[in-house]
Amino acid sequence: MIKKILISTSVAMLLLSGCATNEGPEYDGSSYKQIKKYEVGTVVENKPIVISDDGSGSFFGMIIGAVIGSTFGSGAGSTLAALGGGVAGHYAGKEVGKANGAELTVKLDNGEHIIVVVKGEGFEVNKKIQIIRSGGKVEQVRLAE
């Protein structure tokens, strides 16, 4: 029984760990070859928000919960434990997948006002920021140098 739990936990840790070690921004595998444009502006307003799970947290939580749940009981009990673990894992993964963010109202240097939603914190009012875009999609927001 303990052996099954240890194996399940090890598999879960392998699934959730990444191989990349760089702490810089992450780009989509197909977007790193595209030409990006940037705009500079000043943060006029900063509203804290919560960004919901994109689905990956609940998916992995469900799988891990079902695997761990299946190690308990035997026969029909094991099946019910796996289903219960999957449901609990789905909910837990959905909650863990949430992130703090900010809705920034920005006055661009060209005079235009825009709103940008970003993950993380640290974008204070009256600070200059650089918004990197690819088409209409925001790739990254960082403090301007």
C-alpha atoms as a PDB file:
ATOM      1  CA  MET A   1       0.000   0.000   0.000  1.00  0.00           C
ATOM      2  CA  ILE A   2       2.722   2.487   0.950  1.00  0.00           C
ATOM      3  CA  LYS A   3       4.700   1.419  -2.097  1.00  0.00           C
ATOM      4  CA  LYS A   4       1.747   2.337  -4.350  1.00  0.00           C
ATOM      5  CA  ILE A   5       1.434   5.753  -2.715  1.00  0.00           C
ATOM      6  CA  LEU A   6       5.156   6.426  -3.159  1.00  0.00           C
ATOM      7  CA  ILE A   7       5.033   5.402  -6.817  1.00  0.00           C
ATOM      8  CA  SER A   8       1.922   7.550  -7.402  1.00  0.00           C
ATOM      9  CA  THR A   9       3.521  10.540  -5.726  1.00  0.00           C
ATOM     10  CA  SER A  10       6.720  10.112  -7.745  1.00  0.00           C
ATOM     11  CA  VAL A  11       4.765   9.955 -11.001  1.00  0.00           C
ATOM     12  CA  ALA A  12       2.823  13.082 -10.002  1.00  0.00           C
ATOM     13  CA  MET A  13       6.023  14.975  -9.233  1.00  0.00           C
ATOM     14  CA  LEU A  14       7.521  14.018 -12.596  1.00  0.00           C
ATOM     15  CA  LEU A  15       4.396  15.160 -14.440  1.00  0.00           C
ATOM     16  CA  LEU A  16       4.337  18.520 -12.699  1.00  0.00           C
ATOM     17  CA  SER A  17       8.045  19.328 -12.899  1.00  0.00           C
ATOM     18  CA  GLY A  18       9.502  21.073 -15.937  1.00  0.00           C
ATOM     19  CA  CYS A  19      12.827  20.604 -17.627  1.00  0.00           C
ATOM     20  CA  ALA A  20      13.658  24.247 -18.405  1.00  0.00           C
ATOM     21  CA  THR A  21      15.852  26.005 -15.854  1.00  0.00           C
ATOM     22  CA  ASN A  22      15.818  29.545 -17.240  1.00  0.00           C
ATOM     23  CA  GLU A  23      13.958  31.985 -14.999  1.00  0.00           C
ATOM     24  CA  GLY A  24      13.259  34.443 -17.834  1.00  0.00           C
ATOM     25  CA  PRO A  25       9.955  34.922 -19.616  1.00  0.00           C
ATOM     26  CA  GLU A  26       8.404  31.916 -21.334  1.00  0.00           C
ATOM     27  CA  TYR A  27       7.322  32.052 -24.963  1.00  0.00           C
ATOM     28  CA  ASP A  28       5.048  29.691 -26.846  1.00  0.00           C
ATOM     29  CA  GLY A  29       7.026  27.197 -28.946  1.00  0.00           C
ATOM     30  CA  SER A  30       5.751  28.662 -32.217  1.00  0.00           C
ATOM     31  CA  SER A  31       5.970  32.359 -31.304  1.00  0.00           C
ATOM     32  CA  TYR A  32       9.674  32.692 -30.564  1.00  0.00           C
ATOM     33  CA  LYS A  33      10.472  33.033 -34.277  1.00  0.00           C
ATOM     34  CA  GLN A  34       8.049  35.918 -34.869  1.00  0.00           C
ATOM     35  CA  ILE A  35       8.942  39.577 -34.959  1.00  0.00           C
ATOM     36  CA  LYS A  36       7.591  41.363 -31.900  1.00  0.00           C
ATOM     37  CA  LYS A  37       6.702  45.019 -31.454  1.00  0.00           C
ATOM     38  CA  TYR A  38       6.669  46.949 -28.224  1.00  0.00           C
ATOM     39  CA  GLU A  39       5.016  50.023 -26.844  1.00  0.00           C
ATOM     40  CA  VAL A  40       6.010  52.083 -23.844  1.00  0.00           C
ATOM     41  CA  GLY A  41       3.542  53.706 -21.513  1.00  0.00           C
ATOM     42  CA  THR A  42       2.826  54.779 -17.966  1.00  0.00           C
ATOM     43  CA  VAL A  43       0.601  52.844 -15.569  1.00  0.00           C
ATOM     44  CA  VAL A  44      -2.373  55.070 -14.710  1.00  0.00           C
ATOM     45  CA  GLU A  45      -4.379  52.549 -12.670  1.00  0.00           C
ATOM     46  CA  ASN A  46      -3.681  49.106 -11.217  1.00  0.00           C
ATOM     47  CA  LYS A  47      -6.562  46.834 -10.159  1.00  0.00           C
ATOM     48  CA  PRO A  48      -5.682  43.495  -8.504  1.00  0.00           C
ATOM     49  CA  ILE A  49      -7.402  40.490 -10.114  1.00  0.00           C
ATOM     50  CA  VAL A  50      -7.371  36.696  -9.985  1.00  0.00           C
ATOM     51  CA  ILE A  51      -6.632  34.822 -13.209  1.00  0.00           C
ATOM     52  CA  SER A  52      -8.491  31.512 -13.365  1.00  0.00           C
ATOM     53  CA  ASP A  53      -6.923  28.152 -14.213  1.00  0.00           C
ATOM     54  CA  ASP A  54      -6.379  27.592 -17.937  1.00  0.00           C
ATOM     55  CA  GLY A  55      -7.475  23.964 -17.513  1.00  0.00           C
ATOM     56  CA  SER A  56      -4.083  22.354 -17.002  1.00  0.00           C
ATOM     57  CA  GLY A  57      -4.218  22.520 -13.195  1.00  0.00           C
ATOM     58  CA  SER A  58      -7.615  20.841 -12.995  1.00  0.00           C
ATOM     59  CA  PHE A  59      -6.614  18.207 -15.578  1.00  0.00           C
ATOM     60  CA  PHE A  60      -3.395  17.200 -13.829  1.00  0.00           C
ATOM     61  CA  GLY A  61      -5.116  17.384 -10.435  1.00  0.00           C
ATOM     62  CA  MET A  62      -7.821  15.015 -11.654  1.00  0.00           C
ATOM     63  CA  ILE A  63      -5.289  12.508 -13.025  1.00  0.00           C
ATOM     64  CA  ILE A  64      -3.105  12.604  -9.916  1.00  0.00           C
ATOM     65  CA  GLY A  65      -6.134  12.384  -7.596  1.00  0.00           C
ATOM     66  CA  ALA A  66      -7.489   9.368  -9.475  1.00  0.00           C
ATOM     67  CA  VAL A  67      -4.129   7.572  -9.396  1.00  0.00           C
ATOM     68  CA  ILE A  68      -3.664   8.195  -5.684  1.00  0.00           C
ATOM     69  CA  GLY A  69      -7.312   7.351  -4.952  1.00  0.00           C
ATOM     70  CA  SER A  70      -7.017   4.040  -6.790  1.00  0.00           C
ATOM     71  CA  THR A  71      -4.379   2.869  -4.307  1.00  0.00           C
ATOM     72  CA  PHE A  72      -7.003   2.749  -1.549  1.00  0.00           C
ATOM     73  CA  GLY A  73      -9.454  -0.107  -1.102  1.00  0.00           C
ATOM     74  CA  SER A  74      -9.956  -3.065  -3.375  1.00  0.00           C
ATOM     75  CA  GLY A  75     -12.455  -3.999  -6.074  1.00  0.00           C
ATOM     76  CA  ALA A  76     -15.407  -1.587  -6.208  1.00  0.00           C
ATOM     77  CA  GLY A  77     -13.949   0.333  -3.261  1.00  0.00           C
ATOM     78  CA  SER A  78     -10.823   1.064  -5.265  1.00  0.00           C
ATOM     79  CA  THR A  79     -12.908   2.291  -8.188  1.00  0.00           C
ATOM     80  CA  LEU A  80     -14.947   4.588  -5.937  1.00  0.00           C
ATOM     81  CA  ALA A  81     -11.773   5.867  -4.276  1.00  0.00           C
ATOM     82  CA  ALA A  82     -10.283   6.590  -7.725  1.00  0.00           C
ATOM     83  CA  LEU A  83     -13.418   8.508  -8.766  1.00  0.00           C
ATOM     84  CA  GLY A  84     -13.466  10.441  -5.487  1.00  0.00           C
ATOM     85  CA  GLY A  85      -9.748  11.189  -5.816  1.00  0.00           C
ATOM     86  CA  GLY A  86     -10.282  12.403  -9.380  1.00  0.00           C
ATOM     87  CA  VAL A  87     -13.069  14.776  -8.343  1.00  0.00           C
ATOM     88  CA  ALA A  88     -11.095  16.090  -5.360  1.00  0.00           C
ATOM     89  CA  GLY A  89      -7.953  16.425  -7.494  1.00  0.00           C
ATOM     90  CA  HIS A  90      -9.881  18.315 -10.187  1.00  0.00           C
ATOM     91  CA  TYR A  91     -11.115  20.877  -7.662  1.00  0.00           C
ATOM     92  CA  ALA A  92      -7.729  21.193  -5.930  1.00  0.00           C
ATOM     93  CA  GLY A  93      -5.905  21.554  -9.260  1.00  0.00           C
ATOM     94  CA  LYS A  94      -8.349  24.240 -10.382  1.00  0.00           C
ATOM     95  CA  GLU A  95      -7.681  26.232  -7.212  1.00  0.00           C
ATOM     96  CA  VAL A  96      -3.899  25.749  -7.399  1.00  0.00           C
ATOM     97  CA  GLY A  97      -3.957  26.822 -11.069  1.00  0.00           C
ATOM     98  CA  LYS A  98      -5.268  30.284 -10.168  1.00  0.00           C
ATOM     99  CA  ALA A  99      -2.787  33.159 -10.237  1.00  0.00           C
ATOM    100  CA  ASN A 100      -2.675  36.709  -8.917  1.00  0.00           C
ATOM    101  CA  GLY A 101      -2.603  39.361 -11.568  1.00  0.00           C
ATOM    102  CA  ALA A 102      -3.395  42.963 -12.355  1.00  0.00           C
ATOM    103  CA  GLU A 103      -5.583  44.875 -14.758  1.00  0.00           C
ATOM    104  CA  LEU A 104      -3.433  47.821 -15.795  1.00  0.00           C
ATOM    105  CA  THR A 105      -4.769  50.966 -17.377  1.00  0.00           C
ATOM    106  CA  VAL A 106      -1.852  52.355 -19.360  1.00  0.00           C
ATOM    107  CA  LYS A 107      -1.371  55.698 -21.098  1.00  0.00           C
ATOM    108  CA  LEU A 108       0.935  54.947 -24.007  1.00  0.00           C
ATOM    109  CA  ASP A 109       3.586  57.471 -25.007  1.00  0.00           C
ATOM    110  CA  ASN A 110       1.533  58.166 -28.166  1.00  0.00           C
ATOM    111  CA  GLY A 111      -1.371  59.371 -25.958  1.00  0.00           C
ATOM    112  CA  GLU A 112      -3.606  56.319 -26.416  1.00  0.00           C
ATOM    113  CA  HIS A 113      -5.086  54.584 -23.354  1.00  0.00           C
ATOM    114  CA  ILE A 114      -5.209  50.776 -23.226  1.00  0.00           C
ATOM    115  CA  ILE A 115      -5.952  48.081 -20.645  1.00  0.00           C
ATOM    116  CA  VAL A 116      -3.560  45.151 -20.233  1.00  0.00           C
ATOM    117  CA  VAL A 117      -4.087  42.103 -17.989  1.00  0.00           C
ATOM    118  CA  VAL A 118      -0.877  40.638 -16.562  1.00  0.00           C
ATOM    119  CA  LYS A 119       0.064  37.798 -14.234  1.00  0.00           C
ATOM    120  CA  GLY A 120       1.978  38.781 -11.144  1.00  0.00           C
ATOM    121  CA  GLU A 121       2.360  42.032  -9.302  1.00  0.00           C
ATOM    122  CA  GLY A 122       4.822  44.908  -9.089  1.00  0.00           C
ATOM    123  CA  PHE A 123       3.414  47.319 -11.670  1.00  0.00           C
ATOM    124  CA  GLU A 124       2.934  50.496  -9.673  1.00  0.00           C
ATOM    125  CA  VAL A 125       0.974  53.563 -10.759  1.00  0.00           C
ATOM    126  CA  ASN A 126       3.156  56.196 -12.485  1.00  0.00           C
ATOM    127  CA  LYS A 127       5.807  53.614 -13.467  1.00  0.00           C
ATOM    128  CA  LYS A 128       6.904  53.242 -17.097  1.00  0.00           C
ATOM    129  CA  ILE A 129       6.295  49.822 -18.606  1.00  0.00           C
ATOM    130  CA  GLN A 130       7.107  48.120 -21.878  1.00  0.00           C
ATOM    131  CA  ILE A 131       4.383  46.018 -23.517  1.00  0.00           C
ATOM    132  CA  ILE A 132       5.686  43.424 -25.979  1.00  0.00           C
ATOM    133  CA  ARG A 133       3.089  42.260 -28.483  1.00  0.00           C
ATOM    134  CA  SER A 134       2.749  39.904 -31.357  1.00  0.00           C
ATOM    135  CA  GLY A 135      -0.202  41.034 -33.442  1.00  0.00           C
ATOM    136  CA  GLY A 136      -3.000  41.806 -30.997  1.00  0.00           C
ATOM    137  CA  LYS A 137      -1.674  39.426 -28.354  1.00  0.00           C
ATOM    138  CA  VAL A 138       0.351  40.620 -25.374  1.00  0.00           C
ATOM    139  CA  GLU A 139       3.443  38.430 -25.031  1.00  0.00           C
ATOM    140  CA  GLN A 140       5.048  40.132 -22.042  1.00  0.00           C
ATOM    141  CA  VAL A 141       4.844  43.213 -19.840  1.00  0.00           C
ATOM    142  CA  ARG A 142       7.875  44.464 -17.957  1.00  0.00           C
ATOM    143  CA  LEU A 143       9.176  47.596 -16.302  1.00  0.00           C
ATOM    144  CA  ALA A 144      10.777  49.943 -18.839  1.00  0.00           C
ATOM    145  CA  GLU A 145      14.481  50.600 -18.407  1.00  0.00           C
END
